[in-house]
C-alpha atoms as a PDB file:
ATOM      1  CA  MET A   1      35.451  60.835 -41.051  1.00  0.00           C
ATOM      2  CA  THR A   2      35.404  64.382 -42.321  1.00  0.00           C
ATOM      3  CA  GLN A   3      35.660  67.312 -39.925  1.00  0.00           C
ATOM      4  CA  ALA A   4      33.061  69.895 -40.666  1.00  0.00           C
ATOM      5  CA  THR A   5      34.393  73.617 -40.567  1.00  0.00           C
ATOM      6  CA  PRO A   6      31.532  75.878 -39.713  1.00  0.00           C
ATOM      7  CA  ASP A   7      31.416  79.472 -40.902  1.00  0.00           C
ATOM      8  CA  HIS A   8      27.840  80.198 -39.779  1.00  0.00           C
ATOM      9  CA  PRO A   9      26.494  79.956 -36.265  1.00  0.00           C
ATOM     10  CA  HIS A  10      24.036  77.204 -37.399  1.00  0.00           C
ATOM     11  CA  ASP A  11      26.434  75.053 -39.297  1.00  0.00           C
ATOM     12  CA  TYR A  12      27.219  71.497 -37.947  1.00  0.00           C
ATOM     13  CA  ASP A  13      30.445  71.508 -35.845  1.00  0.00           C
ATOM     14  CA  GLY A  14      31.696  67.905 -35.640  1.00  0.00           C
ATOM     15  CA  GLU A  15      32.645  64.911 -37.695  1.00  0.00           C
ATOM     16  CA  VAL A  16      30.581  63.519 -40.519  1.00  0.00           C
ATOM     17  CA  PRO A  17      30.854  59.962 -41.552  1.00  0.00           C
ATOM     18  CA  ASP A  18      32.435  59.588 -44.880  1.00  0.00           C
ATOM     19  CA  ARG A  19      29.803  56.916 -45.903  1.00  0.00           C
ATOM     20  CA  LEU A  20      26.671  55.523 -44.316  1.00  0.00           C
ATOM     21  CA  PRO A  21      26.956  51.763 -43.771  1.00  0.00           C
ATOM     22  CA  PRO A  22      25.135  49.862 -46.647  1.00  0.00           C
ATOM     23  CA  ALA A  23      22.771  48.113 -44.127  1.00  0.00           C
ATOM     24  CA  THR A  24      21.646  51.546 -42.938  1.00  0.00           C
ATOM     25  CA  VAL A  25      21.026  52.914 -46.368  1.00  0.00           C
ATOM     26  CA  ARG A  26      18.972  49.790 -47.290  1.00  0.00           C
ATOM     27  CA  GLU A  27      16.941  50.020 -44.132  1.00  0.00           C
ATOM     28  CA  LEU A  28      16.165  53.809 -44.659  1.00  0.00           C
ATOM     29  CA  SER A  29      15.353  53.083 -48.342  1.00  0.00           C
ATOM     30  CA  ARG A  30      12.772  50.315 -47.540  1.00  0.00           C
ATOM     31  CA  LEU A  31       9.350  51.100 -49.116  1.00  0.00           C
ATOM     32  CA  ASP A  32       6.152  50.763 -47.049  1.00  0.00           C
ATOM     33  CA  PRO A  33       3.182  51.477 -49.294  1.00  0.00           C
ATOM     34  CA  ALA A  34       0.569  50.640 -46.674  1.00  0.00           C
ATOM     35  CA  HIS A  35       2.262  53.168 -44.214  1.00  0.00           C
ATOM     36  CA  ALA A  36       2.224  55.815 -46.978  1.00  0.00           C
ATOM     37  CA  ALA A  37      -1.444  55.250 -47.858  1.00  0.00           C
ATOM     38  CA  VAL A  38      -2.421  55.583 -44.207  1.00  0.00           C
ATOM     39  CA  ALA A  39      -0.418  58.769 -43.899  1.00  0.00           C
ATOM     40  CA  ILE A  40      -2.184  60.280 -46.853  1.00  0.00           C
ATOM     41  CA  VAL A  41      -5.637  59.319 -45.587  1.00  0.00           C
ATOM     42  CA  VAL A  42      -4.923  60.828 -42.174  1.00  0.00           C
ATOM     43  CA  GLU A  43      -3.795  64.115 -43.501  1.00  0.00           C
ATOM     44  CA  TRP A  44      -6.670  64.586 -45.873  1.00  0.00           C
ATOM     45  CA  SER A  45      -9.189  63.416 -43.194  1.00  0.00           C
ATOM     46  CA  ALA A  46      -7.767  66.040 -40.866  1.00  0.00           C
ATOM     47  CA  ILE A  47      -8.238  68.728 -43.633  1.00  0.00           C
ATOM     48  CA  VAL A  48     -11.841  67.609 -44.409  1.00  0.00           C
ATOM     49  CA  ALA A  49     -12.713  67.472 -40.782  1.00  0.00           C
ATOM     50  CA  ALA A  50     -11.302  70.963 -40.094  1.00  0.00           C
ATOM     51  CA  ILE A  51     -13.332  72.474 -43.010  1.00  0.00           C
ATOM     52  CA  ALA A  52     -16.502  70.629 -41.878  1.00  0.00           C
ATOM     53  CA  LEU A  53     -16.142  71.751 -38.216  1.00  0.00           C
ATOM     54  CA  CYS A  54     -15.399  75.401 -39.239  1.00  0.00           C
ATOM     55  CA  GLU A  55     -18.507  75.446 -41.554  1.00  0.00           C
ATOM     56  CA  ALA A  56     -20.669  73.798 -38.897  1.00  0.00           C
ATOM     57  CA  LEU A  57     -19.745  76.461 -36.204  1.00  0.00           C
ATOM     58  CA  GLY A  58     -20.194  79.381 -38.664  1.00  0.00           C
ATOM     59  CA  GLY A  59     -16.576  80.209 -39.229  1.00  0.00           C
ATOM     60  CA  GLY A  60     -15.919  83.609 -37.493  1.00  0.00           C
ATOM     61  CA  TRP A  61     -13.174  83.295 -34.859  1.00  0.00           C
ATOM     62  CA  LEU A  62     -12.517  79.662 -35.930  1.00  0.00           C
ATOM     63  CA  TYR A  63     -11.801  80.580 -39.457  1.00  0.00           C
ATOM     64  CA  PRO A  64      -8.059  81.790 -38.968  1.00  0.00           C
ATOM     65  CA  LEU A  65      -7.230  78.914 -36.703  1.00  0.00           C
ATOM     66  CA  THR A  66      -8.735  76.577 -39.388  1.00  0.00           C
ATOM     67  CA  VAL A  67      -6.517  78.248 -42.000  1.00  0.00           C
ATOM     68  CA  ILE A  68      -3.430  77.695 -39.828  1.00  0.00           C
ATOM     69  CA  PHE A  69      -4.323  74.015 -39.117  1.00  0.00           C
ATOM     70  CA  ILE A  70      -4.950  73.262 -42.795  1.00  0.00           C
ATOM     71  CA  GLY A  71      -1.605  74.998 -43.741  1.00  0.00           C
ATOM     72  CA  ALA A  72       0.136  72.662 -41.289  1.00  0.00           C
ATOM     73  CA  ARG A  73      -1.415  69.634 -42.944  1.00  0.00           C
ATOM     74  CA  GLN A  74      -0.474  71.016 -46.300  1.00  0.00           C
ATOM     75  CA  HIS A  75       3.113  70.985 -45.121  1.00  0.00           C
ATOM     76  CA  ALA A  76       2.607  67.468 -44.007  1.00  0.00           C
ATOM     77  CA  LEU A  77       1.466  66.608 -47.591  1.00  0.00           C
ATOM     78  CA  VAL A  78       4.640  68.193 -48.892  1.00  0.00           C
ATOM     79  CA  VAL A  79       6.737  66.023 -46.715  1.00  0.00           C
ATOM     80  CA  LEU A  80       5.105  62.983 -48.197  1.00  0.00           C
ATOM     81  CA  GLY A  81       5.543  64.543 -51.609  1.00  0.00           C
ATOM     82  CA  HIS A  82       9.281  64.858 -50.922  1.00  0.00           C
ATOM     83  CA  ASP A  83       9.312  61.053 -50.320  1.00  0.00           C
ATOM     84  CA  ALA A  84       7.624  60.688 -53.632  1.00  0.00           C
ATOM     85  CA  VAL A  85      10.299  62.972 -55.407  1.00  0.00           C
ATOM     86  CA  HIS A  86      12.839  60.290 -54.375  1.00  0.00           C
ATOM     87  CA  TYR A  87      10.510  57.567 -55.592  1.00  0.00           C
ATOM     88  CA  ARG A  88      10.173  56.399 -51.911  1.00  0.00           C
ATOM     89  CA  LEU A  89       6.355  56.593 -51.693  1.00  0.00           C
ATOM     90  CA  LEU A  90       5.241  53.643 -53.851  1.00  0.00           C
ATOM     91  CA  PRO A  91       7.258  50.913 -55.606  1.00  0.00           C
ATOM     92  CA  ILE A  92       5.730  51.571 -59.080  1.00  0.00           C
ATOM     93  CA  ARG A  93       7.297  54.715 -60.400  1.00  0.00           C
ATOM     94  CA  TRP A  94       4.393  55.983 -62.519  1.00  0.00           C
ATOM     95  CA  LEU A  95       1.877  55.303 -59.779  1.00  0.00           C
ATOM     96  CA  ASN A  96       4.175  57.029 -57.197  1.00  0.00           C
ATOM     97  CA  ASP A  97       4.267  60.228 -59.383  1.00  0.00           C
ATOM     98  CA  ALA A  98       0.539  60.077 -60.220  1.00  0.00           C
ATOM     99  CA  VAL A  99      -0.522  59.726 -56.587  1.00  0.00           C
ATOM    100  CA  ALA A 100       1.940  62.315 -55.459  1.00  0.00           C
ATOM    101  CA  ASN A 101       0.790  64.887 -58.069  1.00  0.00           C
ATOM    102  CA  LEU A 102      -2.926  64.285 -57.412  1.00  0.00           C
ATOM    103  CA  LEU A 103      -2.933  63.971 -53.599  1.00  0.00           C
ATOM    104  CA  LEU A 104       0.195  65.592 -52.318  1.00  0.00           C
ATOM    105  CA  TRP A 105       1.431  68.482 -54.637  1.00  0.00           C
ATOM    106  CA  TRP A 106      -1.838  69.510 -56.178  1.00  0.00           C
ATOM    107  CA  PRO A 107      -3.050  71.345 -52.990  1.00  0.00           C
ATOM    108  CA  CYS A 108       0.302  73.141 -52.881  1.00  0.00           C
ATOM    109  CA  ALA A 109       0.337  74.168 -56.612  1.00  0.00           C
ATOM    110  CA  ALA A 110       3.374  72.038 -57.501  1.00  0.00           C
ATOM    111  CA  THR A 111       4.180  68.749 -59.168  1.00  0.00           C
ATOM    112  CA  ASN A 112       6.634  65.968 -58.495  1.00  0.00           C
ATOM    113  CA  GLU A 113       8.292  66.321 -61.793  1.00  0.00           C
ATOM    114  CA  VAL A 114       8.979  70.108 -61.472  1.00  0.00           C
ATOM    115  CA  PHE A 115      10.253  69.950 -57.883  1.00  0.00           C
ATOM    116  CA  ARG A 116      12.425  66.972 -58.746  1.00  0.00           C
ATOM    117  CA  GLN A 117      14.410  69.114 -61.280  1.00  0.00           C
ATOM    118  CA  SER A 118      15.878  71.258 -58.618  1.00  0.00           C
ATOM    119  CA  HIS A 119      15.837  68.822 -55.667  1.00  0.00           C
ATOM    120  CA  GLY A 120      18.163  66.429 -57.218  1.00  0.00           C
ATOM    121  CA  ALA A 121      20.758  69.001 -57.325  1.00  0.00           C
ATOM    122  CA  HIS A 122      20.073  69.888 -53.662  1.00  0.00           C
ATOM    123  CA  HIS A 123      21.111  66.341 -52.616  1.00  0.00           C
ATOM    124  CA  ARG A 124      23.922  65.902 -55.157  1.00  0.00           C
ATOM    125  CA  TYR A 125      25.671  69.211 -54.352  1.00  0.00           C
ATOM    126  CA  LEU A 126      24.496  69.635 -50.813  1.00  0.00           C
ATOM    127  CA  GLY A 127      25.951  72.822 -49.209  1.00  0.00           C
ATOM    128  CA  THR A 128      27.812  73.970 -52.347  1.00  0.00           C
ATOM    129  CA  GLU A 129      26.900  76.788 -54.762  1.00  0.00           C
ATOM    130  CA  ARG A 130      25.317  74.042 -57.063  1.00  0.00           C
ATOM    131  CA  ASP A 131      22.774  73.105 -54.237  1.00  0.00           C
ATOM    132  CA  GLY A 132      19.431  73.411 -55.957  1.00  0.00           C
ATOM    133  CA  ASN A 133      17.775  74.697 -52.897  1.00  0.00           C
ATOM    134  CA  ILE A 134      19.879  77.903 -52.907  1.00  0.00           C
ATOM    135  CA  ALA A 135      18.234  79.147 -56.205  1.00  0.00           C
ATOM    136  CA  LEU A 136      14.850  77.730 -55.432  1.00  0.00           C
ATOM    137  CA  TRP A 137      14.360  79.350 -52.078  1.00  0.00           C
ATOM    138  CA  ARG A 138      16.876  82.251 -52.525  1.00  0.00           C
ATOM    139  CA  LEU A 139      18.800  81.230 -49.544  1.00  0.00           C
ATOM    140  CA  ARG A 140      21.952  83.205 -50.069  1.00  0.00           C
ATOM    141  CA  GLY A 141      22.740  86.643 -51.156  1.00  0.00           C
ATOM    142  CA  PRO A 142      25.460  87.706 -53.728  1.00  0.00           C
ATOM    143  CA  ASP A 143      28.080  87.546 -50.854  1.00  0.00           C
ATOM    144  CA  GLY A 144      27.263  83.835 -50.261  1.00  0.00           C
ATOM    145  CA  ARG A 145      25.887  84.497 -46.897  1.00  0.00           C
ATOM    146  CA  PRO A 146      22.344  83.543 -45.781  1.00  0.00           C
ATOM    147  CA  THR A 147      19.780  86.304 -46.709  1.00  0.00           C
ATOM    148  CA  ARG A 148      17.932  88.190 -43.896  1.00  0.00           C
ATOM    149  CA  GLU A 149      14.886  85.980 -44.565  1.00  0.00           C
ATOM    150  CA  TRP A 150      16.870  82.824 -43.850  1.00  0.00           C
ATOM    151  CA  THR A 151      18.976  84.106 -40.989  1.00  0.00           C
ATOM    152  CA  TYR A 152      17.975  82.634 -37.547  1.00  0.00           C
ATOM    153  CA  PRO A 153      17.285  82.933 -34.562  1.00  0.00           C
ATOM    154  CA  LYS A 154      14.663  85.696 -35.131  1.00  0.00           C
ATOM    155  CA  THR A 155      12.823  87.904 -32.653  1.00  0.00           C
ATOM    156  CA  PRO A 156       9.062  87.194 -32.363  1.00  0.00           C
ATOM    157  CA  ALA A 157       8.317  90.390 -34.417  1.00  0.00           C
ATOM    158  CA  GLN A 158      10.783  89.299 -37.232  1.00  0.00           C
ATOM    159  CA  LEU A 159       9.219  85.709 -37.338  1.00  0.00           C
ATOM    160  CA  VAL A 160       5.786  87.221 -37.693  1.00  0.00           C
ATOM    161  CA  ALA A 161       7.036  89.500 -40.439  1.00  0.00           C
ATOM    162  CA  LYS A 162       8.494  86.711 -42.248  1.00  0.00           C
ATOM    163  CA  ILE A 163       5.436  84.593 -42.171  1.00  0.00           C
ATOM    164  CA  LEU A 164       3.322  87.602 -43.386  1.00  0.00           C
ATOM    165  CA  TRP A 165       5.743  88.367 -46.129  1.00  0.00           C
ATOM    166  CA  SER A 166       6.060  84.776 -47.281  1.00  0.00           C
ATOM    167  CA  ALA A 167       2.187  84.365 -47.285  1.00  0.00           C
ATOM    168  CA  SER A 168       1.687  87.504 -49.330  1.00  0.00           C
ATOM    169  CA  SER A 169       4.543  87.619 -51.809  1.00  0.00           C
ATOM    170  CA  ALA A 170       6.210  84.187 -52.195  1.00  0.00           C
ATOM    171  CA  PRO A 171       5.675  82.574 -55.729  1.00  0.00           C
ATOM    172  CA  SER A 172       4.133  79.179 -56.017  1.00  0.00           C
ATOM    173  CA  ALA A 173       6.460  76.224 -55.601  1.00  0.00           C
ATOM    174  CA  ALA A 174       5.932  75.214 -59.153  1.00  0.00           C
ATOM    175  CA  SER A 175       6.981  78.420 -60.833  1.00  0.00           C
ATOM    176  CA  ALA A 176       9.945  78.968 -58.287  1.00  0.00           C
ATOM    177  CA  SER A 177      11.165  75.362 -58.898  1.00  0.00           C
ATOM    178  CA  SER A 178      10.802  75.813 -62.679  1.00  0.00           C
ATOM    179  CA  THR A 179      12.915  79.065 -62.580  1.00  0.00           C
ATOM    180  CA  ALA A 180      15.503  77.573 -60.286  1.00  0.00           C
ATOM    181  CA  SER A 181      15.964  74.452 -62.343  1.00  0.00           C
ATOM    182  CA  SER A 182      16.399  76.519 -65.637  1.00  0.00           C
ATOM    183  CA  ALA A 183      18.862  78.744 -63.976  1.00  0.00           C
ATOM    184  CA  SER A 184      20.842  76.103 -62.096  1.00  0.00           C
ATOM    185  CA  PRO A 185      24.184  75.000 -63.553  1.00  0.00           C
ATOM    186  CA  SER A 186      23.568  71.526 -62.266  1.00  0.00           C
ATOM    187  CA  SER A 187      21.545  70.670 -65.497  1.00  0.00           C
ATOM    188  CA  ALA A 188      24.820  70.729 -67.409  1.00  0.00           C
ATOM    189  CA  PRO A 189      26.518  67.359 -67.550  1.00  0.00           C
ATOM    190  CA  SER A 190      29.661  67.032 -65.379  1.00  0.00           C
ATOM    191  CA  PRO A 191      32.781  65.003 -66.539  1.00  0.00           C
ATOM    192  CA  PRO A 192      32.967  61.787 -64.512  1.00  0.00           C
ATOM    193  CA  PRO A 193      35.743  61.881 -61.812  1.00  0.00           C
ATOM    194  CA  SER A 194      38.694  59.525 -62.129  1.00  0.00           C
ATOM    195  CA  ARG A 195      37.794  58.038 -58.672  1.00  0.00           C
ATOM    196  CA  PRO A 196      34.849  58.416 -56.240  1.00  0.00           C
ATOM    197  CA  PRO A 197      35.287  61.310 -53.851  1.00  0.00           C
ATOM    198  CA  ALA A 198      36.447  60.064 -50.415  1.00  0.00           C
ATOM    199  CA  ALA A 199      33.626  61.863 -48.440  1.00  0.00           C
ATOM    200  CA  SER A 200      30.704  61.203 -50.629  1.00  0.00           C
ATOM    201  CA  ILE A 201      27.340  59.630 -49.395  1.00  0.00           C
ATOM    202  CA  SER A 202      25.418  57.881 -52.163  1.00  0.00           C
ATOM    203  CA  SER A 203      22.109  56.137 -52.319  1.00  0.00           C
ATOM    204  CA  PRO A 204      21.921  52.897 -54.307  1.00  0.00           C
ATOM    205  CA  THR A 205      18.167  53.457 -54.801  1.00  0.00           C
ATOM    206  CA  THR A 206      17.908  56.910 -56.069  1.00  0.00           C
ATOM    207  CA  GLY A 207      21.256  57.393 -57.759  1.00  0.00           C
ATOM    208  CA  TRP A 208      21.708  60.761 -56.032  1.00  0.00           C
ATOM    209  CA  SER A 209      24.683  61.477 -53.982  1.00  0.00           C
ATOM    210  CA  ARG A 210      26.137  64.325 -51.983  1.00  0.00           C
ATOM    211  CA  SER A 211      29.739  65.523 -51.523  1.00  0.00           C
ATOM    212  CA  PRO A 212      31.242  68.018 -49.070  1.00  0.00           C
ATOM    213  CA  PRO A 213      32.135  71.612 -50.200  1.00  0.00           C
ATOM    214  CA  GLY A 214      35.379  71.776 -52.121  1.00  0.00           C
ATOM    215  CA  SER A 215      35.251  68.205 -53.348  1.00  0.00           C
ATOM    216  CA  SER A 216      34.620  67.021 -56.955  1.00  0.00           C
ATOM    217  CA  PRO A 217      30.929  66.442 -57.573  1.00  0.00           C
ATOM    218  CA  PRO A 218      30.090  62.727 -58.053  1.00  0.00           C
ATOM    219  CA  THR A 219      28.170  61.675 -61.110  1.00  0.00           C
ATOM    220  CA  THR A 220      24.757  59.818 -60.775  1.00  0.00           C
ATOM    221  CA  SER A 221      24.813  56.030 -60.884  1.00  0.00           C
ATOM    222  CA  ALA A 222      23.235  54.391 -63.924  1.00  0.00           C
END
């Protein structure tokens, strides 16, 4: 077990297992294509139904509520797209990416391949300066602390201001991910360590692994 040392109010304070049991990793990695297909159909059905209802009732006061509802369903599509980025949506990889690009990422102006470039570094170097999400979402300032945008909890007024700012000025996920992946040092190959880090958690299915801050980054498995 590794004892986490929090330096931020939201950091986890407790012991982290050095490794997940292999049986747990296998169970969490089990693919269920039927479940994935049903989830995609449900989300798209909800979007189409919301549009149809709004149009049938003439929009007006219902329009902003419809936009919020559809935005929530787009977020659900991105969650499914995240599974596809890890090749955990469908067992055939080219079909996994094709379905994800067309039905999950397209409504959010992104692609599986582009997001995967930075997301691999997020899992491999989780919580370190090489974490792909830090550059992608601009999580930290030059001092290494969370930026004002990503500091929580917020007052209701601050939360509304963040939502409005994000909706009006945030770049598309595709362009932001492309910029982050090109700027991230994780694209450079790292020398293989002489022995696996003691506190790494790796997935036998994706080849991505994570290591705690301060430890040597593991290499991906072949």
